[in-house]
All heavy atoms as atom14 arrays in JSON, in Angstrom:
{
  "sequence": "HLFTTAGNSVACVSALETIKIIKEEGLMENAKVIGDFLMDAFKKLKSK",
  "atom14_mask": [
    [1, 1, 1, 1, 1, 1, 1, 1, 1, 1, 0, 0, 0, 0],
    [1, 1, 1, 1, 1, 1, 1, 1, 0, 0, 0, 0, 0, 0],
    [1, 1, 1, 1, 1, 1, 1, 1, 1, 1, 1, 0, 0, 0],
    [1, 1, 1, 1, 1, 1, 1, 0, 0, 0, 0, 0, 0, 0],
    [1, 1, 1, 1, 1, 1, 1, 0, 0, 0, 0, 0, 0, 0],
    [1, 1, 1, 1, 1, 0, 0, 0, 0, 0, 0, 0, 0, 0],
    [1, 1, 1, 1, 0, 0, 0, 0, 0, 0, 0, 0, 0, 0],
    [1, 1, 1, 1, 1, 1, 1, 1, 0, 0, 0, 0, 0, 0],
    [1, 1, 1, 1, 1, 1, 0, 0, 0, 0, 0, 0, 0, 0],
    [1, 1, 1, 1, 1, 1, 1, 0, 0, 0, 0, 0, 0, 0],
    [1, 1, 1, 1, 1, 0, 0, 0, 0, 0, 0, 0, 0, 0],
    [1, 1, 1, 1, 1, 1, 0, 0, 0, 0, 0, 0, 0, 0],
    [1, 1, 1, 1, 1, 1, 1, 0, 0, 0, 0, 0, 0, 0],
    [1, 1, 1, 1, 1, 1, 0, 0, 0, 0, 0, 0, 0, 0],
    [1, 1, 1, 1, 1, 0, 0, 0, 0, 0, 0, 0, 0, 0],
    [1, 1, 1, 1, 1, 1, 1, 1, 0, 0, 0, 0, 0, 0],
    [1, 1, 1, 1, 1, 1, 1, 1, 1, 0, 0, 0, 0, 0],
    [1, 1, 1, 1, 1, 1, 1, 0, 0, 0, 0, 0, 0, 0],
    [1, 1, 1, 1, 1, 1, 1, 1, 0, 0, 0, 0, 0, 0],
    [1, 1, 1, 1, 1, 1, 1, 1, 1, 0, 0, 0, 0, 0],
    [1, 1, 1, 1, 1, 1, 1, 1, 0, 0, 0, 0, 0, 0],
    [1, 1, 1, 1, 1, 1, 1, 1, 0, 0, 0, 0, 0, 0],
    [1, 1, 1, 1, 1, 1, 1, 1, 1, 0, 0, 0, 0, 0],
    [1, 1, 1, 1, 1, 1, 1, 1, 1, 0, 0, 0, 0, 0],
    [1, 1, 1, 1, 1, 1, 1, 1, 1, 0, 0, 0, 0, 0],
    [1, 1, 1, 1, 0, 0, 0, 0, 0, 0, 0, 0, 0, 0],
    [1, 1, 1, 1, 1, 1, 1, 1, 0, 0, 0, 0, 0, 0],
    [1, 1, 1, 1, 1, 1, 1, 1, 0, 0, 0, 0, 0, 0],
    [1, 1, 1, 1, 1, 1, 1, 1, 1, 0, 0, 0, 0, 0],
    [1, 1, 1, 1, 1, 1, 1, 1, 0, 0, 0, 0, 0, 0],
    [1, 1, 1, 1, 1, 0, 0, 0, 0, 0, 0, 0, 0, 0],
    [1, 1, 1, 1, 1, 1, 1, 1, 1, 0, 0, 0, 0, 0],
    [1, 1, 1, 1, 1, 1, 1, 0, 0, 0, 0, 0, 0, 0],
    [1, 1, 1, 1, 1, 1, 1, 1, 0, 0, 0, 0, 0, 0],
    [1, 1, 1, 1, 0, 0, 0, 0, 0, 0, 0, 0, 0, 0],
    [1, 1, 1, 1, 1, 1, 1, 1, 0, 0, 0, 0, 0, 0],
    [1, 1, 1, 1, 1, 1, 1, 1, 1, 1, 1, 0, 0, 0],
    [1, 1, 1, 1, 1, 1, 1, 1, 0, 0, 0, 0, 0, 0],
    [1, 1, 1, 1, 1, 1, 1, 1, 0, 0, 0, 0, 0, 0],
    [1, 1, 1, 1, 1, 1, 1, 1, 0, 0, 0, 0, 0, 0],
    [1, 1, 1, 1, 1, 0, 0, 0, 0, 0, 0, 0, 0, 0],
    [1, 1, 1, 1, 1, 1, 1, 1, 1, 1, 1, 0, 0, 0],
    [1, 1, 1, 1, 1, 1, 1, 1, 1, 0, 0, 0, 0, 0],
    [1, 1, 1, 1, 1, 1, 1, 1, 1, 0, 0, 0, 0, 0],
    [1, 1, 1, 1, 1, 1, 1, 1, 0, 0, 0, 0, 0, 0],
    [1, 1, 1, 1, 1, 1, 1, 1, 1, 0, 0, 0, 0, 0],
    [1, 1, 1, 1, 1, 1, 0, 0, 0, 0, 0, 0, 0, 0],
    [1, 1, 1, 1, 1, 1, 1, 1, 1, 0, 0, 0, 0, 0]
  ],
  "atom14_positions": [
    [[-32.06, -3.26, -23.6], [-30.88, -3.09, -22.8], [-31.19, -1.98, -21.76], [-30.79, -0.86, -21.91], [-29.69, -2.63, -23.66], [-28.39, -2.76, -22.98], [-27.87, -3.92, -22.44], [-27.38, -1.83, -22.72], [-26.66, -3.72, -21.93], [-26.38, -2.49, -22.02], [0.0, 0.0, 0.0], [0.0, 0.0, 0.0], [0.0, 0.0, 0.0], [0.0, 0.0, 0.0]],
    [[-31.94, -2.37, -20.73], [-32.38, -1.39, -19.77], [-32.08, -1.82, -18.35], [-32.03, -2.99, -18.02], [-33.9, -1.12, -19.91], [-34.88, -2.33, -19.94], [-35.18, -2.84, -18.54], [-36.15, -2.01, -20.7], [0.0, 0.0, 0.0], [0.0, 0.0, 0.0], [0.0, 0.0, 0.0], [0.0, 0.0, 0.0], [0.0, 0.0, 0.0], [0.0, 0.0, 0.0]],
    [[-31.92, -0.8, -17.48], [-31.57, -1.09, -16.09], [-32.38, -0.06, -15.2], [-32.48, 1.1, -15.45], [-30.09, -0.81, -15.82], [-29.25, -1.67, -16.7], [-28.78, -1.19, -17.92], [-28.85, -2.92, -16.32], [-27.97, -1.95, -18.77], [-28.1, -3.73, -17.17], [-27.64, -3.24, -18.36], [0.0, 0.0, 0.0], [0.0, 0.0, 0.0], [0.0, 0.0, 0.0]],
    [[-32.98, -0.64, -14.11], [-34.01, 0.1, -13.37], [-33.48, 1.45, -12.84], [-34.19, 2.47, -12.87], [-34.39, -0.76, -12.14], [-34.92, -2.03, -12.56], [-35.49, -0.07, -11.34], [0.0, 0.0, 0.0], [0.0, 0.0, 0.0], [0.0, 0.0, 0.0], [0.0, 0.0, 0.0], [0.0, 0.0, 0.0], [0.0, 0.0, 0.0], [0.0, 0.0, 0.0]],
    [[-32.28, 1.45, -12.29], [-31.8, 2.72, -11.63], [-30.93, 3.53, -12.6], [-30.44, 4.64, -12.2], [-30.96, 2.42, -10.4], [-29.87, 1.54, -10.72], [-31.83, 1.67, -9.36], [0.0, 0.0, 0.0], [0.0, 0.0, 0.0], [0.0, 0.0, 0.0], [0.0, 0.0, 0.0], [0.0, 0.0, 0.0], [0.0, 0.0, 0.0], [0.0, 0.0, 0.0]],
    [[-30.7, 3.11, -13.85], [-29.88, 3.9, -14.75], [-30.47, 5.24, -15.14], [-31.7, 5.29, -15.46], [-29.6, 3.05, -16.02], [0.0, 0.0, 0.0], [0.0, 0.0, 0.0], [0.0, 0.0, 0.0], [0.0, 0.0, 0.0], [0.0, 0.0, 0.0], [0.0, 0.0, 0.0], [0.0, 0.0, 0.0], [0.0, 0.0, 0.0], [0.0, 0.0, 0.0]],
    [[-29.73, 6.3, -15.15], [-30.18, 7.53, -15.59], [-31.18, 8.17, -14.54], [-32.01, 8.95, -14.94], [0.0, 0.0, 0.0], [0.0, 0.0, 0.0], [0.0, 0.0, 0.0], [0.0, 0.0, 0.0], [0.0, 0.0, 0.0], [0.0, 0.0, 0.0], [0.0, 0.0, 0.0], [0.0, 0.0, 0.0], [0.0, 0.0, 0.0], [0.0, 0.0, 0.0]],
    [[-31.05, 7.76, -13.29], [-31.96, 8.3, -12.26], [-31.71, 9.82, -12.09], [-30.69, 10.36, -12.44], [-31.88, 7.55, -10.96], [-30.53, 7.75, -10.28], [-30.26, 8.78, -9.73], [-29.67, 6.73, -10.4], [0.0, 0.0, 0.0], [0.0, 0.0, 0.0], [0.0, 0.0, 0.0], [0.0, 0.0, 0.0], [0.0, 0.0, 0.0], [0.0, 0.0, 0.0]],
    [[-32.69, 10.47, -11.47], [-32.64, 11.95, -11.4], [-31.49, 12.46, -10.58], [-30.85, 13.49, -10.98], [-33.95, 12.49, -10.77], [-34.21, 11.82, -9.52], [0.0, 0.0, 0.0], [0.0, 0.0, 0.0], [0.0, 0.0, 0.0], [0.0, 0.0, 0.0], [0.0, 0.0, 0.0], [0.0, 0.0, 0.0], [0.0, 0.0, 0.0], [0.0, 0.0, 0.0]],
    [[-31.06, 11.78, -9.55], [-29.94, 12.26, -8.73], [-28.65, 12.21, -9.55], [-27.81, 13.14, -9.55], [-29.77, 11.42, -7.46], [-28.47, 11.81, -6.72], [-30.96, 11.62, -6.51], [0.0, 0.0, 0.0], [0.0, 0.0, 0.0], [0.0, 0.0, 0.0], [0.0, 0.0, 0.0], [0.0, 0.0, 0.0], [0.0, 0.0, 0.0], [0.0, 0.0, 0.0]],
    [[-28.42, 11.11, -10.24], [-27.16, 10.96, -11.05], [-27.17, 11.96, -12.22], [-26.12, 12.56, -12.52], [-27.06, 9.51, -11.6], [0.0, 0.0, 0.0], [0.0, 0.0, 0.0], [0.0, 0.0, 0.0], [0.0, 0.0, 0.0], [0.0, 0.0, 0.0], [0.0, 0.0, 0.0], [0.0, 0.0, 0.0], [0.0, 0.0, 0.0], [0.0, 0.0, 0.0]],
    [[-28.33, 12.18, -12.81], [-28.36, 13.11, -13.93], [-28.13, 14.55, -13.53], [-27.45, 15.29, -14.19], [-29.76, 13.02, -14.6], [-29.97, 11.53, -15.59], [0.0, 0.0, 0.0], [0.0, 0.0, 0.0], [0.0, 0.0, 0.0], [0.0, 0.0, 0.0], [0.0, 0.0, 0.0], [0.0, 0.0, 0.0], [0.0, 0.0, 0.0], [0.0, 0.0, 0.0]],
    [[-28.65, 14.95, -12.33], [-28.43, 16.32, -11.81], [-26.9, 16.46, -11.51], [-26.33, 17.49, -11.81], [-29.26, 16.49, -10.56], [-28.65, 17.66, -9.72], [-30.67, 16.83, -10.96], [0.0, 0.0, 0.0], [0.0, 0.0, 0.0], [0.0, 0.0, 0.0], [0.0, 0.0, 0.0], [0.0, 0.0, 0.0], [0.0, 0.0, 0.0], [0.0, 0.0, 0.0]],
    [[-26.31, 15.4, -10.9], [-24.82, 15.45, -10.67], [-24.11, 15.62, -11.98], [-23.08, 16.38, -12.03], [-24.46, 14.21, -9.9], [-23.07, 14.21, -9.57], [0.0, 0.0, 0.0], [0.0, 0.0, 0.0], [0.0, 0.0, 0.0], [0.0, 0.0, 0.0], [0.0, 0.0, 0.0], [0.0, 0.0, 0.0], [0.0, 0.0, 0.0], [0.0, 0.0, 0.0]],
    [[-24.52, 14.93, -12.99], [-23.84, 15.02, -14.28], [-23.97, 16.4, -14.89], [-22.97, 16.96, -15.43], [-24.34, 13.95, -15.27], [0.0, 0.0, 0.0], [0.0, 0.0, 0.0], [0.0, 0.0, 0.0], [0.0, 0.0, 0.0], [0.0, 0.0, 0.0], [0.0, 0.0, 0.0], [0.0, 0.0, 0.0], [0.0, 0.0, 0.0], [0.0, 0.0, 0.0]],
    [[-25.14, 16.95, -14.9], [-25.35, 18.3, -15.42], [-24.5, 19.33, -14.7], [-23.89, 20.2, -15.33], [-26.85, 18.67, -15.24], [-27.8, 17.99, -16.24], [-29.24, 18.11, -15.76], [-27.66, 18.62, -17.63], [0.0, 0.0, 0.0], [0.0, 0.0, 0.0], [0.0, 0.0, 0.0], [0.0, 0.0, 0.0], [0.0, 0.0, 0.0], [0.0, 0.0, 0.0]],
    [[-24.4, 19.24, -13.36], [-23.55, 20.18, -12.66], [-22.06, 19.96, -12.95], [-21.24, 20.9, -13.08], [-23.79, 20.02, -11.17], [-23.29, 21.2, -10.37], [-23.97, 22.52, -10.7], [-25.16, 22.48, -11.03], [-23.21, 23.58, -10.64], [0.0, 0.0, 0.0], [0.0, 0.0, 0.0], [0.0, 0.0, 0.0], [0.0, 0.0, 0.0], [0.0, 0.0, 0.0]],
    [[-21.69, 18.71, -13.16], [-20.3, 18.35, -13.47], [-19.96, 19.0, -14.81], [-18.79, 19.65, -14.93], [-20.06, 16.84, -13.6], [-20.3, 16.25, -12.32], [-18.7, 16.5, -14.1], [0.0, 0.0, 0.0], [0.0, 0.0, 0.0], [0.0, 0.0, 0.0], [0.0, 0.0, 0.0], [0.0, 0.0, 0.0], [0.0, 0.0, 0.0], [0.0, 0.0, 0.0]],
    [[-20.75, 18.91, -15.78], [-20.49, 19.53, -17.11], [-20.38, 21.03, -17.01], [-19.49, 21.64, -17.61], [-21.59, 19.05, -18.13], [-21.48, 17.6, -18.41], [-21.4, 19.87, -19.46], [-22.66, 17.0, -19.18], [0.0, 0.0, 0.0], [0.0, 0.0, 0.0], [0.0, 0.0, 0.0], [0.0, 0.0, 0.0], [0.0, 0.0, 0.0], [0.0, 0.0, 0.0]],
    [[-21.31, 21.64, -16.25], [-21.23, 23.06, -16.05], [-19.87, 23.54, -15.44], [-19.3, 24.47, -15.82], [-22.39, 23.49, -15.14], [-23.77, 23.49, -15.8], [-24.84, 23.96, -14.83], [-26.24, 23.79, -15.37], [-27.27, 24.22, -14.42], [0.0, 0.0, 0.0], [0.0, 0.0, 0.0], [0.0, 0.0, 0.0], [0.0, 0.0, 0.0], [0.0, 0.0, 0.0]],
    [[-19.47, 22.74, -14.41], [-18.19, 23.09, -13.69], [-17.0, 22.98, -14.67], [-16.18, 23.83, -14.74], [-18.0, 22.1, -12.52], [-19.03, 22.44, -11.42], [-16.59, 22.24, -11.96], [-19.12, 21.38, -10.35], [0.0, 0.0, 0.0], [0.0, 0.0, 0.0], [0.0, 0.0, 0.0], [0.0, 0.0, 0.0], [0.0, 0.0, 0.0], [0.0, 0.0, 0.0]],
    [[-16.99, 21.97, -15.5], [-15.89, 21.79, -16.42], [-15.85, 22.93, -17.4], [-14.74, 23.45, -17.69], [-16.05, 20.41, -17.21], [-15.81, 19.23, -16.32], [-15.13, 20.41, -18.43], [-16.22, 17.88, -16.95], [0.0, 0.0, 0.0], [0.0, 0.0, 0.0], [0.0, 0.0, 0.0], [0.0, 0.0, 0.0], [0.0, 0.0, 0.0], [0.0, 0.0, 0.0]],
    [[-16.98, 23.43, -17.79], [-17.04, 24.52, -18.76], [-16.79, 25.84, -18.07], [-16.0, 26.7, -18.51], [-18.35, 24.57, -19.51], [-18.5, 23.33, -20.49], [-19.68, 23.54, -21.45], [-20.98, 23.36, -20.8], [-22.1, 23.33, -21.82], [0.0, 0.0, 0.0], [0.0, 0.0, 0.0], [0.0, 0.0, 0.0], [0.0, 0.0, 0.0], [0.0, 0.0, 0.0]],
    [[-17.48, 26.11, -16.95], [-17.49, 27.42, -16.32], [-16.16, 27.75, -15.56], [-15.79, 28.79, -15.39], [-18.71, 27.56, -15.41], [-20.02, 27.56, -16.23], [-21.27, 27.54, -15.31], [-21.04, 27.6, -14.08], [-22.31, 27.46, -15.84], [0.0, 0.0, 0.0], [0.0, 0.0, 0.0], [0.0, 0.0, 0.0], [0.0, 0.0, 0.0], [0.0, 0.0, 0.0]],
    [[-15.52, 26.65, -14.99], [-14.37, 26.84, -14.21], [-13.07, 26.66, -15.04], [-11.98, 26.56, -14.46], [-14.36, 25.89, -12.99], [-15.48, 26.25, -12.08], [-15.42, 25.52, -10.72], [-14.44, 24.71, -10.51], [-16.41, 25.67, -9.93], [0.0, 0.0, 0.0], [0.0, 0.0, 0.0], [0.0, 0.0, 0.0], [0.0, 0.0, 0.0], [0.0, 0.0, 0.0]],
    [[-13.19, 26.56, -16.37], [-12.0, 26.43, -17.2], [-11.17, 25.21, -17.0], [-9.94, 25.28, -17.14], [0.0, 0.0, 0.0], [0.0, 0.0, 0.0], [0.0, 0.0, 0.0], [0.0, 0.0, 0.0], [0.0, 0.0, 0.0], [0.0, 0.0, 0.0], [0.0, 0.0, 0.0], [0.0, 0.0, 0.0], [0.0, 0.0, 0.0], [0.0, 0.0, 0.0]],
    [[-11.78, 24.11, -16.76], [-11.02, 22.94, -16.41], [-10.36, 22.29, -17.65], [-9.34, 21.66, -17.52], [-11.89, 21.86, -15.69], [-12.47, 22.34, -14.35], [-13.08, 21.1, -13.61], [-11.36, 22.89, -13.49], [0.0, 0.0, 0.0], [0.0, 0.0, 0.0], [0.0, 0.0, 0.0], [0.0, 0.0, 0.0], [0.0, 0.0, 0.0], [0.0, 0.0, 0.0]],
    [[-10.96, 22.46, -18.86], [-10.32, 22.0, -20.04], [-9.05, 22.77, -20.31], [-8.01, 22.2, -20.62], [-11.25, 22.06, -21.2], [-12.34, 21.06, -21.26], [-13.42, 21.11, -22.64], [-14.55, 22.45, -22.19], [0.0, 0.0, 0.0], [0.0, 0.0, 0.0], [0.0, 0.0, 0.0], [0.0, 0.0, 0.0], [0.0, 0.0, 0.0], [0.0, 0.0, 0.0]],
    [[-9.07, 24.12, -20.1], [-7.92, 24.94, -20.31], [-6.85, 24.56, -19.25], [-5.64, 24.51, -19.56], [-8.29, 26.42, -20.17], [-9.24, 26.95, -21.29], [-10.67, 26.54, -21.09], [-11.01, 25.93, -20.01], [-11.5, 26.87, -21.97], [0.0, 0.0, 0.0], [0.0, 0.0, 0.0], [0.0, 0.0, 0.0], [0.0, 0.0, 0.0], [0.0, 0.0, 0.0]],
    [[-7.29, 24.33, -18.03], [-6.37, 23.91, -16.97], [-5.66, 22.65, -17.26], [-4.47, 22.44, -17.08], [-7.07, 23.86, -15.64], [-6.08, 23.75, -14.44], [-5.23, 24.59, -14.2], [-6.14, 22.61, -13.71], [0.0, 0.0, 0.0], [0.0, 0.0, 0.0], [0.0, 0.0, 0.0], [0.0, 0.0, 0.0], [0.0, 0.0, 0.0], [0.0, 0.0, 0.0]],
    [[-6.43, 21.72, -17.81], [-5.89, 20.4, -18.21], [-4.77, 20.55, -19.21], [-3.71, 19.87, -19.2], [-6.99, 19.48, -18.74], [0.0, 0.0, 0.0], [0.0, 0.0, 0.0], [0.0, 0.0, 0.0], [0.0, 0.0, 0.0], [0.0, 0.0, 0.0], [0.0, 0.0, 0.0], [0.0, 0.0, 0.0], [0.0, 0.0, 0.0], [0.0, 0.0, 0.0]],
    [[-4.97, 21.48, -20.16], [-3.91, 21.7, -21.18], [-2.66, 22.31, -20.65], [-1.57, 21.89, -20.89], [-4.53, 22.51, -22.33], [-3.56, 22.58, -23.55], [-4.15, 23.42, -24.68], [-3.24, 23.31, -25.93], [-1.79, 23.55, -25.61], [0.0, 0.0, 0.0], [0.0, 0.0, 0.0], [0.0, 0.0, 0.0], [0.0, 0.0, 0.0], [0.0, 0.0, 0.0]],
    [[-2.89, 23.38, -19.82], [-1.78, 24.08, -19.23], [-0.97, 23.19, -18.31], [0.31, 23.12, -18.48], [-2.2, 25.38, -18.52], [-1.1, 26.0, -17.72], [-2.81, 26.38, -19.48], [0.0, 0.0, 0.0], [0.0, 0.0, 0.0], [0.0, 0.0, 0.0], [0.0, 0.0, 0.0], [0.0, 0.0, 0.0], [0.0, 0.0, 0.0], [0.0, 0.0, 0.0]],
    [[-1.58, 22.6, -17.33], [-0.88, 21.71, -16.43], [-0.31, 20.48, -17.12], [0.74, 20.05, -16.85], [-1.77, 21.3, -15.26], [-2.32, 22.52, -14.46], [-1.05, 20.4, -14.24], [-1.29, 23.39, -13.81], [0.0, 0.0, 0.0], [0.0, 0.0, 0.0], [0.0, 0.0, 0.0], [0.0, 0.0, 0.0], [0.0, 0.0, 0.0], [0.0, 0.0, 0.0]],
    [[-1.13, 19.96, -18.07], [-0.66, 18.82, -18.87], [0.64, 19.12, -19.62], [1.54, 18.3, -19.67], [0.0, 0.0, 0.0], [0.0, 0.0, 0.0], [0.0, 0.0, 0.0], [0.0, 0.0, 0.0], [0.0, 0.0, 0.0], [0.0, 0.0, 0.0], [0.0, 0.0, 0.0], [0.0, 0.0, 0.0], [0.0, 0.0, 0.0], [0.0, 0.0, 0.0]],
    [[0.71, 20.33, -20.25], [1.91, 20.72, -20.99], [3.12, 20.82, -20.03], [4.24, 20.37, -20.39], [1.67, 22.04, -21.7], [0.8, 21.92, -22.94], [0.5, 20.76, -23.36], [0.34, 22.97, -23.37], [0.0, 0.0, 0.0], [0.0, 0.0, 0.0], [0.0, 0.0, 0.0], [0.0, 0.0, 0.0], [0.0, 0.0, 0.0], [0.0, 0.0, 0.0]],
    [[2.87, 21.4, -18.83], [3.93, 21.48, -17.85], [4.47, 20.05, -17.46], [5.68, 19.82, -17.46], [3.5, 22.19, -16.57], [4.39, 22.01, -15.43], [5.53, 22.75, -15.36], [4.1, 21.1, -14.43], [6.45, 22.56, -14.25], [4.96, 20.91, -13.29], [6.11, 21.68, -13.28], [0.0, 0.0, 0.0], [0.0, 0.0, 0.0], [0.0, 0.0, 0.0]],
    [[3.56, 19.2, -17.15], [3.93, 17.78, -16.78], [4.62, 17.08, -17.93], [5.63, 16.35, -17.7], [2.65, 17.01, -16.35], [2.06, 17.45, -15.03], [0.71, 16.76, -14.81], [2.98, 17.1, -13.84], [0.0, 0.0, 0.0], [0.0, 0.0, 0.0], [0.0, 0.0, 0.0], [0.0, 0.0, 0.0], [0.0, 0.0, 0.0], [0.0, 0.0, 0.0]],
    [[4.11, 17.22, -19.13], [4.82, 16.59, -20.25], [6.27, 17.03, -20.36], [7.18, 16.24, -20.56], [4.04, 16.86, -21.54], [4.67, 16.29, -22.78], [4.65, 14.43, -22.83], [2.93, 14.18, -23.34], [0.0, 0.0, 0.0], [0.0, 0.0, 0.0], [0.0, 0.0, 0.0], [0.0, 0.0, 0.0], [0.0, 0.0, 0.0], [0.0, 0.0, 0.0]],
    [[6.5, 18.33, -20.28], [7.81, 18.86, -20.39], [8.7, 18.37, -19.22], [9.86, 17.95, -19.39], [7.77, 20.36, -20.35], [7.22, 21.04, -21.61], [7.21, 20.29, -22.65], [6.87, 22.19, -21.57], [0.0, 0.0, 0.0], [0.0, 0.0, 0.0], [0.0, 0.0, 0.0], [0.0, 0.0, 0.0], [0.0, 0.0, 0.0], [0.0, 0.0, 0.0]],
    [[8.14, 18.34, -18.02], [8.88, 17.83, -16.85], [9.21, 16.34, -17.0], [10.3, 15.89, -16.67], [8.06, 18.08, -15.56], [0.0, 0.0, 0.0], [0.0, 0.0, 0.0], [0.0, 0.0, 0.0], [0.0, 0.0, 0.0], [0.0, 0.0, 0.0], [0.0, 0.0, 0.0], [0.0, 0.0, 0.0], [0.0, 0.0, 0.0], [0.0, 0.0, 0.0]],
    [[8.28, 15.57, -17.5], [8.52, 14.11, -17.64], [9.57, 13.83, -18.75], [10.37, 12.92, -18.65], [7.21, 13.38, -18.01], [6.21, 13.41, -16.82], [4.83, 13.15, -17.11], [6.62, 13.57, -15.52], [3.95, 13.1, -16.04], [5.71, 13.56, -14.47], [4.37, 13.32, -14.74], [0.0, 0.0, 0.0], [0.0, 0.0, 0.0], [0.0, 0.0, 0.0]],
    [[9.58, 14.66, -19.85], [10.56, 14.55, -20.84], [11.97, 14.82, -20.26], [12.98, 14.16, -20.72], [10.23, 15.44, -22.05], [9.12, 14.93, -22.86], [8.79, 15.86, -24.01], [7.66, 15.29, -24.88], [7.32, 16.23, -26.01], [0.0, 0.0, 0.0], [0.0, 0.0, 0.0], [0.0, 0.0, 0.0], [0.0, 0.0, 0.0], [0.0, 0.0, 0.0]],
    [[12.07, 15.81, -19.34], [13.35, 16.05, -18.65], [13.8, 14.86, -17.88], [14.98, 14.52, -17.85], [13.23, 17.32, -17.86], [13.08, 18.61, -18.69], [12.88, 19.78, -17.74], [12.68, 21.06, -18.58], [12.42, 22.26, -17.73], [0.0, 0.0, 0.0], [0.0, 0.0, 0.0], [0.0, 0.0, 0.0], [0.0, 0.0, 0.0], [0.0, 0.0, 0.0]],
    [[12.84, 14.2, -17.21], [13.15, 13.0, -16.47], [13.63, 11.9, -17.35], [14.6, 11.17, -17.05], [11.92, 12.5, -15.65], [11.5, 13.33, -14.46], [10.3, 12.66, -13.78], [12.6, 13.54, -13.46], [0.0, 0.0, 0.0], [0.0, 0.0, 0.0], [0.0, 0.0, 0.0], [0.0, 0.0, 0.0], [0.0, 0.0, 0.0], [0.0, 0.0, 0.0]],
    [[13.05, 11.84, -18.55], [13.44, 10.83, -19.54], [14.93, 11.03, -19.95], [15.66, 10.04, -20.14], [12.52, 10.89, -20.78], [12.86, 9.92, -21.9], [11.86, 10.05, -23.04], [12.2, 8.97, -24.11], [13.48, 9.13, -24.74], [0.0, 0.0, 0.0], [0.0, 0.0, 0.0], [0.0, 0.0, 0.0], [0.0, 0.0, 0.0], [0.0, 0.0, 0.0]],
    [[15.3, 12.24, -20.12], [16.7, 12.51, -20.48], [17.65, 12.14, -19.37], [18.86, 12.0, -19.63], [16.88, 13.99, -20.93], [16.68, 14.84, -19.76], [0.0, 0.0, 0.0], [0.0, 0.0, 0.0], [0.0, 0.0, 0.0], [0.0, 0.0, 0.0], [0.0, 0.0, 0.0], [0.0, 0.0, 0.0], [0.0, 0.0, 0.0], [0.0, 0.0, 0.0]],
    [[17.13, 12.03, -18.15], [18.0, 11.76, -17.01], [18.04, 10.33, -16.63], [19.08, 9.84, -16.17], [17.46, 12.61, -15.79], [18.31, 12.48, -14.55], [17.74, 13.39, -13.48], [18.57, 13.33, -12.16], [18.1, 14.2, -11.12], [0.0, 0.0, 0.0], [0.0, 0.0, 0.0], [0.0, 0.0, 0.0], [0.0, 0.0, 0.0], [0.0, 0.0, 0.0]]
  ]
}
């Protein structure tokens, strides 16, 4: 199950930097904080 251009160096470098950004810029924490806000706001819409 192989593909000529799969896992090429440009894509892999982009992935490595993406993972670093997610960890170093606190994006998981931001997802939780903003997600909790949105969940609460959407539940208020549900009541309306």
